[in-house]
Structures are given as C-alpha cells and as structure tokens.
Amino acid sequence: MNDPFDDFVEQLQDEIDQETLQTFGEVAYQRWKNPLYMQVIPTPDGHARETGSCGDSIEIYLKLENGRVCDAGFQTDGCGPSAVCGSYAAQMAIGKTPLEIAEVKGEDILAELGGLPSEHEHCAYLAVAALQSAVEDYMSRRPKDF
C-alpha cells in the first residue's frame, strides 16, 4: 500500500522532470540530473569563484600536469542551469592548455547544450568567466620566466 504523500511527491517530481526536459532539452536535462565534475579539488593549481549579476556563484578548480588540465571540478550555489554550465565548463577544460582554455567562450557551452532559454544564457558566460579566472589564478602562481 502506497502512502498518499509519497505518491504526491513522486507525481510532483515527475511533473518537474517533464517540465525541465521540455524547457531545457535533453542534453541539459541529463546533465542536470547527473552533473559531472561537481567536486572540490583539495589542492588545485588554479581556482576561482565568480558571481553573476543574478547572484549565482560558480567555483572552478583546476589540476594541471605537463601544462594540461588533468582534472577539473566545480561547485555552485546557483540554479540548475548554473550547475549544468559549470559542469560543461569543467569538462571542456580537461586536456586543454591554459591558452586553449582562454579560447573557450560562453557560446561554446551553449552550443554543447543545444542552447538554453534566453533568461538562463548568462549561466554559460558565468561558468566561462570562472573557468578563465581559474586559469589566471594558475598563471599567477607560476614562476615568471625572465
């Protein structure tokens, strides 16, 4: 025998899932349900936190070996689209050099997602800003070659 409250909660979650899928599309929905790279790297080589005009923050953590990102992580206190974009920013950093990461744009994340509703597009730009700030942090820690 099912508890009526449990049935209500399950039905409500199904409605939220369906609305999210229709609003954001399959790619963003799947990443929202399973945000990859949501981790804190304890001793990152590069780290940054950026806060958008919406109030959401995204933190990016980078670990580099031989001049390339070998591990990346992110955290956010923001909405689902911020988590999705932070996840893609971390993913896009893996295997890249700092110079290659400097070329990553918000449009790249939006393209990976197949777009976002216009009121959430800023999340992709916030994620990229955090990613590029983490690279700047990494570069500032390196000894200067003279």
C-alpha atoms as a PDB file:
ATOM      1  CA  MET A   1       0.000   0.000   0.000  1.00  0.00           C
ATOM      2  CA  ASN A   2       1.467   3.342  -1.039  1.00  0.00           C
ATOM      3  CA  ASP A   3       1.448   6.354   1.211  1.00  0.00           C
ATOM      4  CA  PRO A   4      -0.630   9.163  -0.392  1.00  0.00           C
ATOM      5  CA  PHE A   5       2.060  11.708   0.474  1.00  0.00           C
ATOM      6  CA  ASP A   6       4.763   9.594  -1.210  1.00  0.00           C
ATOM      7  CA  ASP A   7       2.544   9.262  -4.281  1.00  0.00           C
ATOM      8  CA  PHE A   8       2.037  13.035  -4.348  1.00  0.00           C
ATOM      9  CA  VAL A   9       5.788  13.685  -4.066  1.00  0.00           C
ATOM     10  CA  GLU A  10       6.560  11.168  -6.831  1.00  0.00           C
ATOM     11  CA  GLN A  11       3.937  12.725  -9.125  1.00  0.00           C
ATOM     12  CA  LEU A  12       5.242  16.228  -8.404  1.00  0.00           C
ATOM     13  CA  GLN A  13       8.833  15.138  -9.161  1.00  0.00           C
ATOM     14  CA  ASP A  14       7.675  13.588 -12.442  1.00  0.00           C
ATOM     15  CA  GLU A  15       5.978  16.872 -13.391  1.00  0.00           C
ATOM     16  CA  ILE A  16       9.134  18.858 -12.540  1.00  0.00           C
ATOM     17  CA  ASP A  17      11.258  16.448 -14.587  1.00  0.00           C
ATOM     18  CA  GLN A  18       8.962  16.694 -17.611  1.00  0.00           C
ATOM     19  CA  GLU A  19       8.780  20.489 -17.453  1.00  0.00           C
ATOM     20  CA  THR A  20      12.571  20.732 -17.117  1.00  0.00           C
ATOM     21  CA  LEU A  21      13.094  18.372 -20.048  1.00  0.00           C
ATOM     22  CA  GLN A  22      10.732  20.390 -22.262  1.00  0.00           C
ATOM     23  CA  THR A  23      12.183  23.754 -21.222  1.00  0.00           C
ATOM     24  CA  PHE A  24      15.896  22.943 -21.356  1.00  0.00           C
ATOM     25  CA  GLY A  25      16.137  20.000 -23.761  1.00  0.00           C
ATOM     26  CA  GLU A  26      17.554  16.508 -23.389  1.00  0.00           C
ATOM     27  CA  VAL A  27      21.263  17.384 -23.086  1.00  0.00           C
ATOM     28  CA  ALA A  28      20.825  19.974 -20.320  1.00  0.00           C
ATOM     29  CA  TYR A  29      18.223  17.811 -18.571  1.00  0.00           C
ATOM     30  CA  GLN A  30      20.551  14.801 -18.438  1.00  0.00           C
ATOM     31  CA  ARG A  31      23.427  16.916 -17.104  1.00  0.00           C
ATOM     32  CA  TRP A  32      21.079  18.491 -14.539  1.00  0.00           C
ATOM     33  CA  LYS A  33      20.147  15.020 -13.312  1.00  0.00           C
ATOM     34  CA  ASN A  34      23.806  13.903 -13.321  1.00  0.00           C
ATOM     35  CA  PRO A  35      26.150  16.916 -13.025  1.00  0.00           C
ATOM     36  CA  LEU A  36      29.609  15.607 -13.866  1.00  0.00           C
ATOM     37  CA  TYR A  37      32.714  17.130 -12.256  1.00  0.00           C
ATOM     38  CA  MET A  38      30.794  18.522  -9.267  1.00  0.00           C
ATOM     39  CA  GLN A  39      33.735  18.254  -6.912  1.00  0.00           C
ATOM     40  CA  VAL A  40      36.159  20.282  -4.880  1.00  0.00           C
ATOM     41  CA  ILE A  41      39.783  19.581  -5.752  1.00  0.00           C
ATOM     42  CA  PRO A  42      41.612  19.950  -2.411  1.00  0.00           C
ATOM     43  CA  THR A  43      44.897  21.403  -3.709  1.00  0.00           C
ATOM     44  CA  PRO A  44      44.055  22.965  -7.060  1.00  0.00           C
ATOM     45  CA  ASP A  45      46.666  24.548  -9.282  1.00  0.00           C
ATOM     46  CA  GLY A  46      44.072  27.120 -10.292  1.00  0.00           C
ATOM     47  CA  HIS A  47      40.880  28.160  -8.520  1.00  0.00           C
ATOM     48  CA  ALA A  48      38.354  30.946  -8.914  1.00  0.00           C
ATOM     49  CA  ARG A  49      34.869  31.931  -7.846  1.00  0.00           C
ATOM     50  CA  GLU A  50      32.766  34.276  -9.916  1.00  0.00           C
ATOM     51  CA  THR A  51      29.368  35.704  -9.016  1.00  0.00           C
ATOM     52  CA  GLY A  52      26.939  36.770 -11.694  1.00  0.00           C
ATOM     53  CA  SER A  53      24.515  39.659 -11.687  1.00  0.00           C
ATOM     54  CA  CYS A  54      21.782  37.116 -10.869  1.00  0.00           C
ATOM     55  CA  GLY A  55      23.523  36.303  -7.567  1.00  0.00           C
ATOM     56  CA  ASP A  56      24.620  32.791  -8.567  1.00  0.00           C
ATOM     57  CA  SER A  57      28.255  31.854  -7.961  1.00  0.00           C
ATOM     58  CA  ILE A  58      30.316  29.238  -9.757  1.00  0.00           C
ATOM     59  CA  GLU A  59      33.656  28.000  -8.456  1.00  0.00           C
ATOM     60  CA  ILE A  60      36.103  26.196 -10.724  1.00  0.00           C
ATOM     61  CA  TYR A  61      39.043  24.067  -9.588  1.00  0.00           C
ATOM     62  CA  LEU A  62      41.825  23.010 -11.977  1.00  0.00           C
ATOM     63  CA  LYS A  63      44.633  20.497 -11.595  1.00  0.00           C
ATOM     64  CA  LEU A  64      47.354  20.545 -14.268  1.00  0.00           C
ATOM     65  CA  GLU A  65      50.094  18.105 -15.264  1.00  0.00           C
ATOM     66  CA  ASN A  66      52.602  18.740 -18.018  1.00  0.00           C
ATOM     67  CA  GLY A  67      50.883  22.015 -18.891  1.00  0.00           C
ATOM     68  CA  ARG A  68      47.416  20.496 -19.440  1.00  0.00           C
ATOM     69  CA  VAL A  69      44.347  20.213 -17.233  1.00  0.00           C
ATOM     70  CA  CYS A  70      44.174  16.652 -15.941  1.00  0.00           C
ATOM     71  CA  ASP A  71      41.285  17.195 -13.518  1.00  0.00           C
ATOM     72  CA  ALA A  72      38.651  19.860 -13.057  1.00  0.00           C
ATOM     73  CA  GLY A  73      35.801  20.432 -10.692  1.00  0.00           C
ATOM     74  CA  PHE A  74      33.104  22.951  -9.979  1.00  0.00           C
ATOM     75  CA  GLN A  75      30.659  23.996  -7.267  1.00  0.00           C
ATOM     76  CA  THR A  76      27.731  26.359  -7.487  1.00  0.00           C
ATOM     77  CA  ASP A  77      25.183  27.863  -5.162  1.00  0.00           C
ATOM     78  CA  GLY A  78      23.027  28.688  -8.165  1.00  0.00           C
ATOM     79  CA  CYS A  79      20.179  27.329 -10.198  1.00  0.00           C
ATOM     80  CA  GLY A  80      20.070  24.169 -12.308  1.00  0.00           C
ATOM     81  CA  PRO A  81      21.370  25.914 -15.451  1.00  0.00           C
ATOM     82  CA  SER A  82      24.358  27.224 -13.445  1.00  0.00           C
ATOM     83  CA  ALA A  83      25.143  23.653 -12.380  1.00  0.00           C
ATOM     84  CA  VAL A  84      24.795  22.399 -15.952  1.00  0.00           C
ATOM     85  CA  CYS A  85      27.061  25.149 -17.312  1.00  0.00           C
ATOM     86  CA  GLY A  86      29.617  24.710 -14.528  1.00  0.00           C
ATOM     87  CA  SER A  87      29.713  21.008 -15.311  1.00  0.00           C
ATOM     88  CA  TYR A  88      30.328  21.668 -19.000  1.00  0.00           C
ATOM     89  CA  ALA A  89      32.983  24.290 -18.250  1.00  0.00           C
ATOM     90  CA  ALA A  90      34.901  21.781 -16.136  1.00  0.00           C
ATOM     91  CA  GLN A  91      34.510  19.111 -18.797  1.00  0.00           C
ATOM     92  CA  MET A  92      35.702  21.427 -21.560  1.00  0.00           C
ATOM     93  CA  ALA A  93      38.872  22.226 -19.580  1.00  0.00           C
ATOM     94  CA  ILE A  94      40.053  18.604 -19.355  1.00  0.00           C
ATOM     95  CA  GLY A  95      43.051  18.002 -21.610  1.00  0.00           C
ATOM     96  CA  LYS A  96      43.459  21.650 -22.571  1.00  0.00           C
ATOM     97  CA  THR A  97      46.357  24.027 -22.018  1.00  0.00           C
ATOM     98  CA  PRO A  98      45.763  27.404 -20.372  1.00  0.00           C
ATOM     99  CA  LEU A  99      45.999  29.068 -23.795  1.00  0.00           C
ATOM    100  CA  GLU A 100      43.373  26.724 -25.217  1.00  0.00           C
ATOM    101  CA  ILE A 101      41.073  27.431 -22.270  1.00  0.00           C
ATOM    102  CA  ALA A 102      41.437  31.156 -22.944  1.00  0.00           C
ATOM    103  CA  GLU A 103      39.674  30.495 -26.259  1.00  0.00           C
ATOM    104  CA  VAL A 104      36.598  28.878 -24.620  1.00  0.00           C
ATOM    105  CA  LYS A 105      33.534  31.099 -24.878  1.00  0.00           C
ATOM    106  CA  GLY A 106      30.056  31.045 -23.402  1.00  0.00           C
ATOM    107  CA  GLU A 107      28.770  30.287 -26.885  1.00  0.00           C
ATOM    108  CA  ASP A 108      30.745  27.010 -26.806  1.00  0.00           C
ATOM    109  CA  ILE A 109      28.822  25.815 -23.756  1.00  0.00           C
ATOM    110  CA  LEU A 110      25.531  26.958 -25.267  1.00  0.00           C
ATOM    111  CA  ALA A 111      26.365  25.028 -28.448  1.00  0.00           C
ATOM    112  CA  GLU A 112      27.125  21.871 -26.431  1.00  0.00           C
ATOM    113  CA  LEU A 113      23.753  22.210 -24.732  1.00  0.00           C
ATOM    114  CA  GLY A 114      21.837  22.992 -27.889  1.00  0.00           C
ATOM    115  CA  GLY A 115      21.039  26.381 -26.336  1.00  0.00           C
ATOM    116  CA  LEU A 116      19.299  27.499 -23.187  1.00  0.00           C
ATOM    117  CA  PRO A 117      16.251  29.707 -22.672  1.00  0.00           C
ATOM    118  CA  SER A 118      17.395  33.313 -23.075  1.00  0.00           C
ATOM    119  CA  GLU A 119      16.871  34.110 -19.387  1.00  0.00           C
ATOM    120  CA  HIS A 120      19.460  31.431 -18.495  1.00  0.00           C
ATOM    121  CA  GLU A 121      22.098  32.018 -21.185  1.00  0.00           C
ATOM    122  CA  HIS A 122      24.106  34.164 -18.750  1.00  0.00           C
ATOM    123  CA  CYS A 123      24.908  30.962 -16.807  1.00  0.00           C
ATOM    124  CA  ALA A 124      27.176  29.801 -19.652  1.00  0.00           C
ATOM    125  CA  TYR A 125      29.062  33.112 -19.588  1.00  0.00           C
ATOM    126  CA  LEU A 126      29.369  32.966 -15.788  1.00  0.00           C
ATOM    127  CA  ALA A 127      30.825  29.431 -15.997  1.00  0.00           C
ATOM    128  CA  VAL A 128      33.362  30.536 -18.612  1.00  0.00           C
ATOM    129  CA  ALA A 129      34.310  33.592 -16.545  1.00  0.00           C
ATOM    130  CA  ALA A 130      35.012  31.309 -13.572  1.00  0.00           C
ATOM    131  CA  LEU A 131      36.981  28.921 -15.781  1.00  0.00           C
ATOM    132  CA  GLN A 132      39.135  31.676 -17.240  1.00  0.00           C
ATOM    133  CA  SER A 133      39.662  33.247 -13.807  1.00  0.00           C
ATOM    134  CA  ALA A 134      40.881  29.859 -12.543  1.00  0.00           C
ATOM    135  CA  VAL A 135      43.394  29.801 -15.407  1.00  0.00           C
ATOM    136  CA  GLU A 136      44.507  33.333 -14.485  1.00  0.00           C
ATOM    137  CA  ASP A 137      44.972  32.143 -10.891  1.00  0.00           C
ATOM    138  CA  TYR A 138      47.085  29.218 -12.136  1.00  0.00           C
ATOM    139  CA  MET A 139      49.205  31.521 -14.288  1.00  0.00           C
ATOM    140  CA  SER A 140      49.734  33.986 -11.414  1.00  0.00           C
ATOM    141  CA  ARG A 141      51.153  31.201  -9.235  1.00  0.00           C
ATOM    142  CA  ARG A 142      53.738  30.102 -11.792  1.00  0.00           C
ATOM    143  CA  PRO A 143      57.282  31.433 -11.567  1.00  0.00           C
ATOM    144  CA  LYS A 144      57.929  34.153 -14.107  1.00  0.00           C
ATOM    145  CA  ASP A 145      60.428  33.235 -16.809  1.00  0.00           C
ATOM    146  CA  PHE A 146      62.933  36.020 -17.462  1.00  0.00           C
END
